[in-house]
């Protein structure tokens, strides 16, 4: 699910390891996270003590989901999950229940991340194991050069938008870079070859350093 959550209130019901993973993901999206659970994992306890999450140290109450943008249920109580699903639907809150797609109003895909690039895999909840297997394969296939390429392409796109070029010309330049040897040059660290490519394709003295891109 691709959604902007910066500053959005999100609820996690449960305090175990699965809930912890949901919390970490939400914090990575800069959401405001509340966890309702009598107990927490050590890491969640630290996050609560540091004020990075809000902890309601009790069991779930049927009005708890109200006012939240998203909610995640990660407990070991099936009847509670069904009750939470009914409450979330009544409150108009999007809900994900761990490993229970029939109770979900949205499903979180398995992802591979390379900088600003995110590749999502979903089996519609039919087989999380296959989604995990595909994620592992993609994790090996897509290296750090993809994050670097995206940084270069993003910088070029911003540069082109400040120039008096037509939309068609901008698309042609960006498409040419995507289909060029850019990824291979990045993978093998050929900075001079990248600079020559940028100079030829983009022009106007474009280079890695001139674009302000850091190749770590």
N, C-alpha and C. Protein backbone atom coordinates (compact mmCIF):
# COMPACT_ATOMS: atom_id res chain seq x y z
N UNK A 1 0.85 -1.18 0.00
CA UNK A 1 0.00 0.00 0.00
C UNK A 1 0.89 1.23 0.00
N UNK A 2 0.76 2.08 -1.01
CA UNK A 2 1.53 3.31 -1.08
C UNK A 2 0.62 4.46 -0.65
N UNK A 3 0.94 5.04 0.50
CA UNK A 3 0.11 6.12 1.03
C UNK A 3 1.01 7.05 1.84
N UNK A 4 0.73 8.34 1.77
CA UNK A 4 1.51 9.32 2.53
C UNK A 4 0.98 9.34 3.96
N UNK A 5 1.85 9.00 4.93
CA UNK A 5 1.44 8.90 6.32
C UNK A 5 2.16 9.88 7.23
N UNK A 6 2.94 10.78 6.68
CA UNK A 6 3.67 11.72 7.52
C UNK A 6 2.72 12.51 8.40
N UNK A 7 2.87 12.35 9.71
CA UNK A 7 2.03 13.05 10.67
C UNK A 7 0.67 12.43 10.88
N UNK A 8 0.35 11.34 10.17
CA UNK A 8 -0.98 10.73 10.28
C UNK A 8 -1.07 9.84 11.52
N UNK A 9 -2.19 9.88 12.23
CA UNK A 9 -2.36 9.02 13.41
C UNK A 9 -2.66 7.57 13.00
N UNK A 10 -1.86 6.65 13.48
CA UNK A 10 -2.03 5.23 13.15
C UNK A 10 -2.02 4.41 14.44
N UNK A 11 -2.84 3.37 14.46
CA UNK A 11 -3.00 2.55 15.66
C UNK A 11 -2.48 1.14 15.39
N UNK A 12 -1.75 0.60 16.35
CA UNK A 12 -1.32 -0.80 16.31
C UNK A 12 -1.87 -1.48 17.56
N UNK A 13 -2.62 -2.54 17.34
CA UNK A 13 -3.22 -3.28 18.45
C UNK A 13 -2.42 -4.55 18.65
N UNK A 14 -1.74 -4.63 19.76
CA UNK A 14 -0.84 -5.75 20.04
C UNK A 14 0.54 -5.22 20.36
N UNK A 15 1.29 -5.99 21.14
CA UNK A 15 2.60 -5.52 21.55
C UNK A 15 3.72 -6.52 21.33
N UNK A 16 3.47 -7.53 20.46
CA UNK A 16 4.47 -8.56 20.21
C UNK A 16 5.39 -8.23 19.04
N UNK A 17 6.08 -9.25 18.54
CA UNK A 17 7.08 -9.04 17.49
C UNK A 17 6.45 -8.59 16.17
N UNK A 18 5.27 -9.13 15.84
CA UNK A 18 4.61 -8.70 14.61
C UNK A 18 4.18 -7.24 14.73
N UNK A 19 3.61 -6.91 15.86
CA UNK A 19 3.22 -5.51 16.10
C UNK A 19 4.44 -4.60 16.03
N UNK A 20 5.54 -5.07 16.56
CA UNK A 20 6.78 -4.27 16.53
C UNK A 20 7.18 -3.95 15.10
N UNK A 21 7.10 -4.94 14.20
CA UNK A 21 7.45 -4.70 12.80
C UNK A 21 6.53 -3.66 12.18
N UNK A 22 5.25 -3.71 12.50
CA UNK A 22 4.30 -2.73 11.97
C UNK A 22 4.66 -1.34 12.48
N UNK A 23 5.00 -1.25 13.76
CA UNK A 23 5.35 0.04 14.35
C UNK A 23 6.58 0.62 13.68
N UNK A 24 7.60 -0.19 13.48
CA UNK A 24 8.84 0.29 12.87
C UNK A 24 8.57 0.79 11.45
N UNK A 25 7.74 0.06 10.70
CA UNK A 25 7.38 0.49 9.35
C UNK A 25 6.65 1.83 9.37
N UNK A 26 5.71 1.98 10.28
CA UNK A 26 4.95 3.23 10.38
C UNK A 26 5.85 4.39 10.78
N UNK A 27 6.76 4.15 11.71
CA UNK A 27 7.68 5.22 12.11
C UNK A 27 8.57 5.62 10.94
N UNK A 28 8.94 4.63 10.11
CA UNK A 28 9.73 4.94 8.92
C UNK A 28 8.98 5.83 7.95
N UNK A 29 7.64 5.75 7.99
CA UNK A 29 6.79 6.60 7.15
C UNK A 29 6.42 7.90 7.87
N UNK A 30 7.02 8.12 9.04
CA UNK A 30 6.83 9.35 9.83
C UNK A 30 5.39 9.50 10.34
N UNK A 31 4.73 8.38 10.57
CA UNK A 31 3.38 8.41 11.14
C UNK A 31 3.46 8.66 12.65
N UNK A 32 2.34 9.12 13.21
CA UNK A 32 2.21 9.24 14.66
C UNK A 32 1.55 7.95 15.15
N UNK A 33 2.29 7.16 15.91
CA UNK A 33 1.88 5.79 16.21
C UNK A 33 1.43 5.65 17.66
N UNK A 34 0.26 5.02 17.81
CA UNK A 34 -0.24 4.64 19.13
C UNK A 34 -0.33 3.12 19.18
N UNK A 35 0.14 2.55 20.26
CA UNK A 35 0.07 1.10 20.45
C UNK A 35 -0.80 0.81 21.67
N UNK A 36 -1.80 -0.05 21.49
CA UNK A 36 -2.63 -0.46 22.62
C UNK A 36 -2.36 -1.93 22.92
N UNK A 37 -1.82 -2.18 24.10
CA UNK A 37 -1.47 -3.54 24.52
C UNK A 37 -1.05 -3.50 25.99
N UNK A 38 -1.44 -4.52 26.76
CA UNK A 38 -0.99 -4.56 28.16
C UNK A 38 0.53 -4.70 28.28
N UNK A 39 1.15 -5.38 27.31
CA UNK A 39 2.60 -5.61 27.36
C UNK A 39 3.23 -5.24 26.02
N UNK A 40 4.53 -4.99 26.04
CA UNK A 40 5.27 -4.61 24.85
C UNK A 40 6.57 -5.40 24.76
N UNK A 41 7.09 -5.56 23.55
CA UNK A 41 8.42 -6.11 23.38
C UNK A 41 9.43 -5.12 23.95
N UNK A 42 10.64 -5.55 24.23
CA UNK A 42 11.66 -4.62 24.75
C UNK A 42 11.88 -3.41 23.83
N UNK A 43 11.88 -3.64 22.53
CA UNK A 43 12.10 -2.51 21.62
C UNK A 43 10.94 -1.52 21.67
N UNK A 44 9.71 -2.02 21.69
CA UNK A 44 8.56 -1.14 21.79
C UNK A 44 8.55 -0.39 23.12
N UNK A 45 8.99 -1.07 24.17
CA UNK A 45 9.10 -0.41 25.48
C UNK A 45 10.07 0.77 25.40
N UNK A 46 11.19 0.56 24.70
CA UNK A 46 12.16 1.65 24.54
C UNK A 46 11.58 2.81 23.73
N UNK A 47 10.85 2.47 22.66
CA UNK A 47 10.25 3.52 21.83
C UNK A 47 9.22 4.32 22.63
N UNK A 48 8.46 3.63 23.46
CA UNK A 48 7.47 4.33 24.29
C UNK A 48 8.15 5.21 25.32
N UNK A 49 9.21 4.70 25.95
CA UNK A 49 9.94 5.47 26.96
C UNK A 49 10.58 6.71 26.35
N UNK A 50 10.99 6.60 25.08
CA UNK A 50 11.62 7.73 24.39
C UNK A 50 10.60 8.71 23.82
N UNK A 51 9.32 8.38 23.94
CA UNK A 51 8.28 9.25 23.43
C UNK A 51 8.08 9.17 21.93
N UNK A 52 8.66 8.14 21.30
CA UNK A 52 8.51 7.99 19.86
C UNK A 52 7.18 7.37 19.48
N UNK A 53 6.56 6.67 20.40
CA UNK A 53 5.20 6.15 20.21
C UNK A 53 4.39 6.43 21.47
N UNK A 54 3.08 6.41 21.32
CA UNK A 54 2.17 6.52 22.47
C UNK A 54 1.72 5.11 22.85
N UNK A 55 1.78 4.80 24.13
CA UNK A 55 1.40 3.46 24.59
C UNK A 55 0.19 3.53 25.50
N UNK A 56 -0.89 2.85 25.08
CA UNK A 56 -2.03 2.66 25.96
C UNK A 56 -1.87 1.28 26.59
N UNK A 57 -1.49 1.25 27.85
CA UNK A 57 -1.13 -0.01 28.53
C UNK A 57 -2.38 -0.71 29.06
N UNK A 58 -3.15 -1.23 28.13
CA UNK A 58 -4.40 -1.93 28.47
C UNK A 58 -4.85 -2.74 27.27
N UNK A 59 -5.94 -3.47 27.45
CA UNK A 59 -6.51 -4.20 26.34
C UNK A 59 -7.28 -3.28 25.41
N UNK A 60 -7.64 -3.81 24.25
CA UNK A 60 -8.36 -3.04 23.23
C UNK A 60 -9.78 -2.72 23.68
N UNK A 61 -10.22 -1.49 23.39
CA UNK A 61 -11.59 -1.08 23.62
C UNK A 61 -12.26 -0.78 22.29
N UNK A 62 -13.55 -1.01 22.17
CA UNK A 62 -14.19 -1.00 20.85
C UNK A 62 -14.18 0.38 20.18
N UNK A 63 -13.98 1.46 20.92
CA UNK A 63 -13.90 2.79 20.31
C UNK A 63 -12.47 3.22 20.02
N UNK A 64 -11.50 2.35 20.28
CA UNK A 64 -10.10 2.74 20.13
C UNK A 64 -9.73 3.11 18.70
N UNK A 65 -10.36 2.50 17.72
CA UNK A 65 -9.95 2.74 16.33
C UNK A 65 -10.42 4.10 15.82
N UNK A 66 -11.38 4.71 16.48
CA UNK A 66 -11.94 5.96 15.98
C UNK A 66 -10.88 7.07 15.95
N UNK A 67 -10.86 7.81 14.85
CA UNK A 67 -9.95 8.94 14.73
C UNK A 67 -8.60 8.61 14.14
N UNK A 68 -8.36 7.34 13.83
CA UNK A 68 -7.08 6.96 13.25
C UNK A 68 -7.20 6.82 11.73
N UNK A 69 -6.09 7.07 11.04
CA UNK A 69 -6.06 6.93 9.59
C UNK A 69 -5.99 5.46 9.19
N UNK A 70 -5.10 4.73 9.84
CA UNK A 70 -4.92 3.30 9.60
C UNK A 70 -4.83 2.58 10.93
N UNK A 71 -5.17 1.30 10.92
CA UNK A 71 -5.01 0.47 12.11
C UNK A 71 -4.46 -0.89 11.71
N UNK A 72 -3.63 -1.45 12.60
CA UNK A 72 -3.08 -2.79 12.42
C UNK A 72 -3.41 -3.61 13.64
N UNK A 73 -3.97 -4.80 13.42
CA UNK A 73 -4.27 -5.71 14.52
C UNK A 73 -3.28 -6.88 14.47
N UNK A 74 -2.55 -7.08 15.55
CA UNK A 74 -1.54 -8.15 15.58
C UNK A 74 -1.55 -8.78 16.97
N UNK A 75 -2.60 -9.50 17.25
CA UNK A 75 -2.70 -10.23 18.51
C UNK A 75 -2.86 -11.71 18.20
N UNK A 76 -3.02 -12.52 19.24
CA UNK A 76 -3.25 -13.96 19.03
C UNK A 76 -4.68 -14.34 19.37
N UNK A 77 -5.58 -13.33 19.37
CA UNK A 77 -6.97 -13.55 19.74
C UNK A 77 -7.85 -13.39 18.50
N UNK A 78 -8.33 -14.52 17.94
CA UNK A 78 -9.11 -14.48 16.71
C UNK A 78 -10.44 -13.76 16.89
N UNK A 79 -11.11 -13.99 18.01
CA UNK A 79 -12.39 -13.32 18.24
C UNK A 79 -12.19 -11.82 18.38
N UNK A 80 -11.09 -11.42 18.98
CA UNK A 80 -10.77 -9.99 19.09
C UNK A 80 -10.52 -9.39 17.71
N UNK A 81 -9.82 -10.12 16.86
CA UNK A 81 -9.57 -9.64 15.50
C UNK A 81 -10.88 -9.39 14.75
N UNK A 82 -11.82 -10.29 14.91
CA UNK A 82 -13.11 -10.12 14.23
C UNK A 82 -13.85 -8.89 14.77
N UNK A 83 -13.76 -8.68 16.07
CA UNK A 83 -14.40 -7.51 16.68
C UNK A 83 -13.74 -6.22 16.20
N UNK A 84 -12.42 -6.23 16.12
CA UNK A 84 -11.69 -5.05 15.65
C UNK A 84 -12.07 -4.75 14.20
N UNK A 85 -12.18 -5.78 13.39
CA UNK A 85 -12.55 -5.59 11.98
C UNK A 85 -13.93 -4.94 11.86
N UNK A 86 -14.88 -5.37 12.68
CA UNK A 86 -16.21 -4.78 12.66
C UNK A 86 -16.18 -3.33 13.13
N UNK A 87 -15.39 -3.07 14.17
CA UNK A 87 -15.28 -1.70 14.69
C UNK A 87 -14.64 -0.78 13.66
N UNK A 88 -13.59 -1.26 12.99
CA UNK A 88 -12.89 -0.45 12.00
C UNK A 88 -13.80 -0.12 10.82
N UNK A 89 -14.58 -1.11 10.39
CA UNK A 89 -15.49 -0.87 9.27
C UNK A 89 -16.54 0.16 9.65
N UNK A 90 -17.07 0.06 10.86
CA UNK A 90 -18.08 1.01 11.32
C UNK A 90 -17.51 2.43 11.44
N UNK A 91 -16.23 2.51 11.80
CA UNK A 91 -15.59 3.82 12.00
C UNK A 91 -14.98 4.37 10.72
N UNK A 92 -15.00 3.58 9.64
CA UNK A 92 -14.41 4.03 8.39
C UNK A 92 -12.90 4.09 8.43
N UNK A 93 -12.28 3.19 9.21
CA UNK A 93 -10.83 3.16 9.36
C UNK A 93 -10.27 1.96 8.60
N UNK A 94 -9.24 2.19 7.79
CA UNK A 94 -8.60 1.09 7.06
C UNK A 94 -7.85 0.20 8.04
N UNK A 95 -8.05 -1.11 7.90
CA UNK A 95 -7.50 -2.07 8.86
C UNK A 95 -6.73 -3.18 8.15
N UNK A 96 -5.60 -3.54 8.75
CA UNK A 96 -4.85 -4.72 8.34
C UNK A 96 -4.75 -5.65 9.54
N UNK A 97 -5.16 -6.90 9.35
CA UNK A 97 -5.05 -7.91 10.40
C UNK A 97 -4.00 -8.91 9.96
N UNK A 98 -2.98 -9.09 10.77
CA UNK A 98 -1.85 -9.93 10.41
C UNK A 98 -2.30 -11.34 10.03
N UNK A 99 -1.94 -11.76 8.79
CA UNK A 99 -2.20 -13.11 8.29
C UNK A 99 -3.69 -13.47 8.21
N UNK A 100 -4.55 -12.47 8.17
CA UNK A 100 -5.99 -12.72 8.05
C UNK A 100 -6.57 -11.83 6.95
N UNK A 101 -6.28 -12.15 5.68
CA UNK A 101 -6.72 -11.26 4.58
C UNK A 101 -8.23 -11.06 4.53
N UNK A 102 -9.00 -12.06 4.99
CA UNK A 102 -10.45 -11.93 4.94
C UNK A 102 -10.97 -10.85 5.89
N UNK A 103 -10.16 -10.45 6.85
CA UNK A 103 -10.56 -9.41 7.79
C UNK A 103 -9.95 -8.05 7.44
N UNK A 104 -9.14 -8.00 6.41
CA UNK A 104 -8.41 -6.78 6.06
C UNK A 104 -9.19 -5.90 5.09
N UNK A 105 -9.06 -4.61 5.26
CA UNK A 105 -9.54 -3.68 4.23
C UNK A 105 -8.38 -3.21 3.36
N UNK A 106 -7.14 -3.54 3.76
CA UNK A 106 -5.97 -3.36 2.90
C UNK A 106 -4.93 -4.39 3.29
N UNK A 107 -4.09 -4.73 2.32
CA UNK A 107 -3.03 -5.73 2.53
C UNK A 107 -1.68 -5.06 2.32
N UNK A 108 -0.75 -5.33 3.18
CA UNK A 108 0.61 -4.78 3.06
C UNK A 108 1.45 -5.75 2.25
N UNK A 109 2.02 -5.30 1.13
CA UNK A 109 2.82 -6.21 0.31
C UNK A 109 4.20 -6.43 0.90
N UNK A 110 4.85 -7.50 0.47
CA UNK A 110 6.28 -7.66 0.73
C UNK A 110 7.02 -6.67 -0.17
N UNK A 111 8.09 -6.08 0.33
CA UNK A 111 8.76 -5.04 -0.44
C UNK A 111 10.27 -5.23 -0.49
N UNK A 112 10.83 -4.72 -1.58
CA UNK A 112 12.28 -4.58 -1.72
C UNK A 112 12.53 -3.09 -1.92
N UNK A 113 13.40 -2.51 -1.10
CA UNK A 113 13.64 -1.07 -1.16
C UNK A 113 15.09 -0.79 -1.51
N UNK A 114 15.25 0.11 -2.46
CA UNK A 114 16.57 0.60 -2.86
C UNK A 114 16.47 2.12 -2.96
N UNK A 115 16.79 2.80 -1.86
CA UNK A 115 16.63 4.24 -1.84
C UNK A 115 15.16 4.60 -2.00
N UNK A 116 14.86 5.45 -2.97
CA UNK A 116 13.48 5.85 -3.22
C UNK A 116 12.72 4.84 -4.07
N UNK A 117 13.40 3.80 -4.49
CA UNK A 117 12.74 2.75 -5.28
C UNK A 117 12.15 1.71 -4.35
N UNK A 118 10.86 1.44 -4.52
CA UNK A 118 10.20 0.38 -3.76
C UNK A 118 9.51 -0.56 -4.73
N UNK A 119 9.84 -1.85 -4.62
CA UNK A 119 9.21 -2.89 -5.43
C UNK A 119 8.30 -3.69 -4.51
N UNK A 120 7.02 -3.72 -4.83
CA UNK A 120 6.04 -4.38 -3.96
C UNK A 120 5.56 -5.69 -4.57
N UNK A 121 5.39 -6.70 -3.72
CA UNK A 121 4.90 -8.01 -4.16
C UNK A 121 3.70 -8.39 -3.30
N UNK A 122 2.61 -8.76 -3.96
CA UNK A 122 1.43 -9.20 -3.23
C UNK A 122 0.86 -10.45 -3.88
N UNK A 123 0.43 -11.38 -3.06
CA UNK A 123 -0.28 -12.57 -3.55
C UNK A 123 -1.75 -12.50 -3.17
N UNK A 124 -2.22 -11.30 -2.82
CA UNK A 124 -3.62 -11.15 -2.41
C UNK A 124 -3.93 -11.88 -1.12
N UNK A 125 -2.88 -12.15 -0.34
CA UNK A 125 -3.07 -12.86 0.92
C UNK A 125 -3.12 -14.37 0.78
N UNK A 126 -3.02 -14.87 -0.48
CA UNK A 126 -3.13 -16.32 -0.70
C UNK A 126 -1.91 -17.08 -0.21
N UNK A 127 -0.72 -16.47 -0.36
CA UNK A 127 0.50 -17.18 0.03
C UNK A 127 1.59 -16.21 0.45
N UNK A 128 1.63 -15.81 1.72
CA UNK A 128 2.73 -14.97 2.21
C UNK A 128 4.09 -15.62 1.98
N UNK A 129 4.14 -16.97 2.00
CA UNK A 129 5.42 -17.66 1.79
C UNK A 129 5.96 -17.40 0.39
N UNK A 130 5.07 -17.42 -0.63
CA UNK A 130 5.51 -17.15 -1.99
C UNK A 130 5.93 -15.69 -2.13
N UNK A 131 5.20 -14.80 -1.51
CA UNK A 131 5.57 -13.38 -1.55
C UNK A 131 6.96 -13.19 -0.95
N UNK A 132 7.24 -13.87 0.16
CA UNK A 132 8.56 -13.79 0.79
C UNK A 132 9.64 -14.34 -0.14
N UNK A 133 9.34 -15.47 -0.80
CA UNK A 133 10.30 -16.09 -1.72
C UNK A 133 10.62 -15.14 -2.88
N UNK A 134 9.60 -14.51 -3.44
CA UNK A 134 9.81 -13.57 -4.54
C UNK A 134 10.60 -12.35 -4.07
N UNK A 135 10.31 -11.89 -2.86
CA UNK A 135 11.06 -10.76 -2.32
C UNK A 135 12.54 -11.09 -2.20
N UNK A 136 12.85 -12.29 -1.75
CA UNK A 136 14.25 -12.69 -1.62
C UNK A 136 14.94 -12.75 -2.97
N UNK A 137 14.22 -13.21 -3.99
CA UNK A 137 14.79 -13.25 -5.33
C UNK A 137 15.05 -11.84 -5.86
N UNK A 138 14.08 -10.96 -5.69
CA UNK A 138 14.23 -9.58 -6.15
C UNK A 138 15.30 -8.85 -5.37
N UNK A 139 15.46 -9.20 -4.10
CA UNK A 139 16.48 -8.58 -3.26
C UNK A 139 17.87 -8.86 -3.81
N UNK A 140 18.06 -10.04 -4.40
CA UNK A 140 19.34 -10.38 -5.00
C UNK A 140 19.50 -9.77 -6.39
N UNK A 141 18.39 -9.62 -7.09
CA UNK A 141 18.43 -9.13 -8.47
C UNK A 141 18.69 -7.63 -8.56
N UNK A 142 18.13 -6.87 -7.63
CA UNK A 142 18.22 -5.42 -7.69
C UNK A 142 19.22 -4.92 -6.65
N UNK A 143 20.36 -4.44 -7.14
CA UNK A 143 21.42 -3.97 -6.25
C UNK A 143 21.31 -2.48 -5.95
N UNK A 144 22.32 -1.96 -5.26
CA UNK A 144 22.33 -0.55 -4.86
C UNK A 144 22.41 0.39 -6.05
N UNK A 145 22.83 -0.15 -7.22
CA UNK A 145 22.90 0.71 -8.40
C UNK A 145 21.54 1.26 -8.79
N UNK A 146 20.47 0.57 -8.42
CA UNK A 146 19.13 1.07 -8.75
C UNK A 146 18.78 2.30 -7.93
N UNK A 147 19.20 2.32 -6.67
CA UNK A 147 18.99 3.51 -5.85
C UNK A 147 19.80 4.68 -6.41
N UNK A 148 21.02 4.41 -6.83
CA UNK A 148 21.87 5.45 -7.39
C UNK A 148 21.30 5.96 -8.72
N UNK A 149 20.82 5.04 -9.55
CA UNK A 149 20.24 5.43 -10.83
C UNK A 149 19.03 6.33 -10.62
N UNK A 150 18.22 5.99 -9.63
CA UNK A 150 17.04 6.80 -9.36
C UNK A 150 17.44 8.20 -8.88
N UNK A 151 18.51 8.27 -8.10
CA UNK A 151 19.00 9.58 -7.65
C UNK A 151 19.47 10.41 -8.84
N UNK A 152 20.19 9.77 -9.77
CA UNK A 152 20.66 10.48 -10.96
C UNK A 152 19.49 10.93 -11.81
N UNK A 153 18.56 10.03 -12.08
CA UNK A 153 17.41 10.35 -12.93
C UNK A 153 16.54 11.45 -12.30
N UNK A 154 16.39 11.39 -10.99
CA UNK A 154 15.62 12.43 -10.31
C UNK A 154 16.28 13.79 -10.42
N UNK A 155 17.62 13.81 -10.28
CA UNK A 155 18.35 15.07 -10.39
C UNK A 155 18.28 15.61 -11.81
N UNK A 156 18.40 14.72 -12.80
CA UNK A 156 18.29 15.15 -14.20
C UNK A 156 16.90 15.70 -14.48
N UNK A 157 15.89 15.02 -13.98
CA UNK A 157 14.50 15.46 -14.20
C UNK A 157 14.28 16.86 -13.63
N UNK A 158 14.78 17.11 -12.43
CA UNK A 158 14.65 18.43 -11.83
C UNK A 158 15.39 19.48 -12.66
N UNK A 159 16.56 19.12 -13.17
CA UNK A 159 17.34 20.05 -13.99
C UNK A 159 16.58 20.40 -15.27
N UNK A 160 16.02 19.38 -15.91
CA UNK A 160 15.31 19.60 -17.17
C UNK A 160 14.09 20.49 -16.97
N UNK A 161 13.45 20.37 -15.81
CA UNK A 161 12.25 21.16 -15.55
C UNK A 161 12.53 22.65 -15.43
N UNK A 162 13.81 23.01 -15.19
CA UNK A 162 14.18 24.42 -15.09
C UNK A 162 14.63 24.99 -16.42
N UNK A 163 14.68 24.13 -17.45
CA UNK A 163 15.16 24.56 -18.76
C UNK A 163 14.01 24.72 -19.75
N UNK A 164 14.20 25.56 -20.76
CA UNK A 164 13.14 25.76 -21.77
C UNK A 164 13.10 24.62 -22.78
N UNK A 165 12.75 23.43 -22.30
CA UNK A 165 12.62 22.25 -23.17
C UNK A 165 11.16 21.82 -23.20
N UNK A 166 10.76 21.23 -24.29
CA UNK A 166 9.39 20.74 -24.40
C UNK A 166 9.23 19.47 -23.56
N UNK A 167 8.00 19.15 -23.12
CA UNK A 167 7.77 17.89 -22.40
C UNK A 167 8.24 16.67 -23.19
N UNK A 168 8.06 16.68 -24.51
CA UNK A 168 8.50 15.56 -25.34
C UNK A 168 10.01 15.41 -25.30
N UNK A 169 10.73 16.53 -25.32
CA UNK A 169 12.19 16.47 -25.28
C UNK A 169 12.67 15.96 -23.93
N UNK A 170 12.04 16.38 -22.86
CA UNK A 170 12.41 15.90 -21.54
C UNK A 170 12.20 14.39 -21.43
N UNK A 171 11.05 13.93 -21.91
CA UNK A 171 10.78 12.48 -21.88
C UNK A 171 11.81 11.71 -22.70
N UNK A 172 12.19 12.25 -23.85
CA UNK A 172 13.16 11.58 -24.71
C UNK A 172 14.50 11.44 -24.01
N UNK A 173 14.94 12.48 -23.33
CA UNK A 173 16.23 12.44 -22.62
C UNK A 173 16.18 11.43 -21.48
N UNK A 174 15.13 11.48 -20.69
CA UNK A 174 15.03 10.57 -19.54
C UNK A 174 14.90 9.12 -20.00
N UNK A 175 14.14 8.89 -21.06
CA UNK A 175 14.00 7.53 -21.60
C UNK A 175 15.33 7.02 -22.12
N UNK A 176 16.08 7.89 -22.79
CA UNK A 176 17.40 7.50 -23.32
C UNK A 176 18.33 7.09 -22.17
N UNK A 177 18.27 7.81 -21.06
CA UNK A 177 19.13 7.47 -19.92
C UNK A 177 18.74 6.12 -19.32
N UNK A 178 17.42 5.88 -19.22
CA UNK A 178 16.95 4.61 -18.66
C UNK A 178 17.43 3.43 -19.50
N UNK A 179 17.47 3.61 -20.83
CA UNK A 179 17.84 2.52 -21.72
C UNK A 179 19.32 2.53 -22.08
N UNK A 180 20.08 3.37 -21.41
CA UNK A 180 21.52 3.47 -21.69
C UNK A 180 22.29 2.49 -20.80
N UNK A 181 23.59 2.69 -20.73
CA UNK A 181 24.42 1.85 -19.87
C UNK A 181 24.55 2.40 -18.46
N UNK A 182 23.65 3.30 -18.06
CA UNK A 182 23.76 3.96 -16.75
C UNK A 182 23.84 2.97 -15.60
N UNK A 183 22.94 1.99 -15.57
CA UNK A 183 22.93 1.03 -14.46
C UNK A 183 24.24 0.24 -14.37
N UNK A 184 24.74 -0.19 -15.52
CA UNK A 184 26.00 -0.95 -15.53
C UNK A 184 27.16 -0.07 -15.08
N UNK A 185 27.18 1.16 -15.54
CA UNK A 185 28.25 2.08 -15.12
C UNK A 185 28.20 2.31 -13.61
N UNK A 186 27.01 2.44 -13.07
CA UNK A 186 26.87 2.62 -11.62
C UNK A 186 27.28 1.37 -10.87
N UNK A 187 26.87 0.23 -11.38
CA UNK A 187 27.20 -1.04 -10.71
C UNK A 187 28.69 -1.26 -10.64
N UNK A 188 29.41 -0.84 -11.68
CA UNK A 188 30.86 -1.05 -11.74
C UNK A 188 31.67 0.19 -11.36
N UNK A 189 30.99 1.24 -10.92
CA UNK A 189 31.68 2.42 -10.43
C UNK A 189 32.41 3.23 -11.48
N UNK A 190 31.91 3.24 -12.71
CA UNK A 190 32.57 3.97 -13.80
C UNK A 190 32.05 5.42 -13.86
N UNK A 191 32.57 6.25 -12.96
CA UNK A 191 32.09 7.62 -12.85
C UNK A 191 32.37 8.42 -14.11
N UNK A 192 33.54 8.23 -14.69
CA UNK A 192 33.88 8.99 -15.91
C UNK A 192 32.94 8.63 -17.05
N UNK A 193 32.59 7.36 -17.15
CA UNK A 193 31.67 6.93 -18.20
C UNK A 193 30.28 7.53 -17.97
N UNK A 194 29.88 7.63 -16.71
CA UNK A 194 28.58 8.25 -16.40
C UNK A 194 28.59 9.71 -16.80
N UNK A 195 29.68 10.41 -16.48
CA UNK A 195 29.78 11.83 -16.83
C UNK A 195 29.74 12.03 -18.35
N UNK A 196 30.39 11.15 -19.09
CA UNK A 196 30.35 11.26 -20.55
C UNK A 196 28.92 11.03 -21.05
N UNK A 197 28.25 10.04 -20.47
CA UNK A 197 26.87 9.76 -20.86
C UNK A 197 25.96 10.95 -20.58
N UNK A 198 26.10 11.54 -19.40
CA UNK A 198 25.28 12.69 -19.04
C UNK A 198 25.58 13.88 -19.95
N UNK A 199 26.87 14.08 -20.23
CA UNK A 199 27.24 15.18 -21.10
C UNK A 199 26.66 15.03 -22.49
N UNK A 200 26.63 13.80 -22.99
CA UNK A 200 26.10 13.54 -24.34
C UNK A 200 24.58 13.60 -24.37
N UNK A 201 23.95 13.02 -23.36
CA UNK A 201 22.49 12.89 -23.37
C UNK A 201 21.78 14.14 -22.88
N UNK A 202 22.27 14.70 -21.78
CA UNK A 202 21.62 15.86 -21.17
C UNK A 202 22.21 17.17 -21.68
N UNK A 203 23.55 17.17 -21.84
CA UNK A 203 24.22 18.39 -22.30
C UNK A 203 24.38 19.41 -21.19
N UNK A 204 24.75 20.64 -21.57
CA UNK A 204 24.89 21.76 -20.62
C UNK A 204 25.82 21.44 -19.46
N UNK A 205 26.87 20.65 -19.73
CA UNK A 205 27.86 20.36 -18.70
C UNK A 205 27.39 19.45 -17.59
N UNK A 206 26.35 18.69 -17.85
CA UNK A 206 25.81 17.80 -16.81
C UNK A 206 26.83 16.74 -16.43
N UNK A 207 26.98 16.51 -15.14
CA UNK A 207 27.88 15.47 -14.62
C UNK A 207 27.37 15.07 -13.24
N UNK A 208 27.92 14.01 -12.69
CA UNK A 208 27.51 13.56 -11.36
C UNK A 208 27.71 14.66 -10.33
N UNK A 209 28.90 15.26 -10.30
CA UNK A 209 29.16 16.30 -9.32
C UNK A 209 28.33 17.55 -9.57
N UNK A 210 28.14 17.90 -10.84
CA UNK A 210 27.37 19.10 -11.18
C UNK A 210 25.89 18.93 -10.78
N UNK A 211 25.39 17.71 -10.85
CA UNK A 211 24.01 17.44 -10.45
C UNK A 211 23.85 17.33 -8.94
N UNK A 212 24.98 17.24 -8.23
CA UNK A 212 24.93 17.14 -6.77
C UNK A 212 24.55 15.77 -6.27
N UNK A 213 24.80 14.72 -7.06
CA UNK A 213 24.46 13.36 -6.66
C UNK A 213 25.64 12.71 -5.96
N UNK A 214 25.39 12.12 -4.80
CA UNK A 214 26.41 11.39 -4.07
C UNK A 214 26.29 9.91 -4.35
N UNK A 215 27.36 9.31 -4.87
CA UNK A 215 27.37 7.89 -5.15
C UNK A 215 28.09 7.17 -4.03
N UNK A 216 27.31 6.69 -3.04
CA UNK A 216 27.91 6.00 -1.88
C UNK A 216 28.15 4.54 -2.18
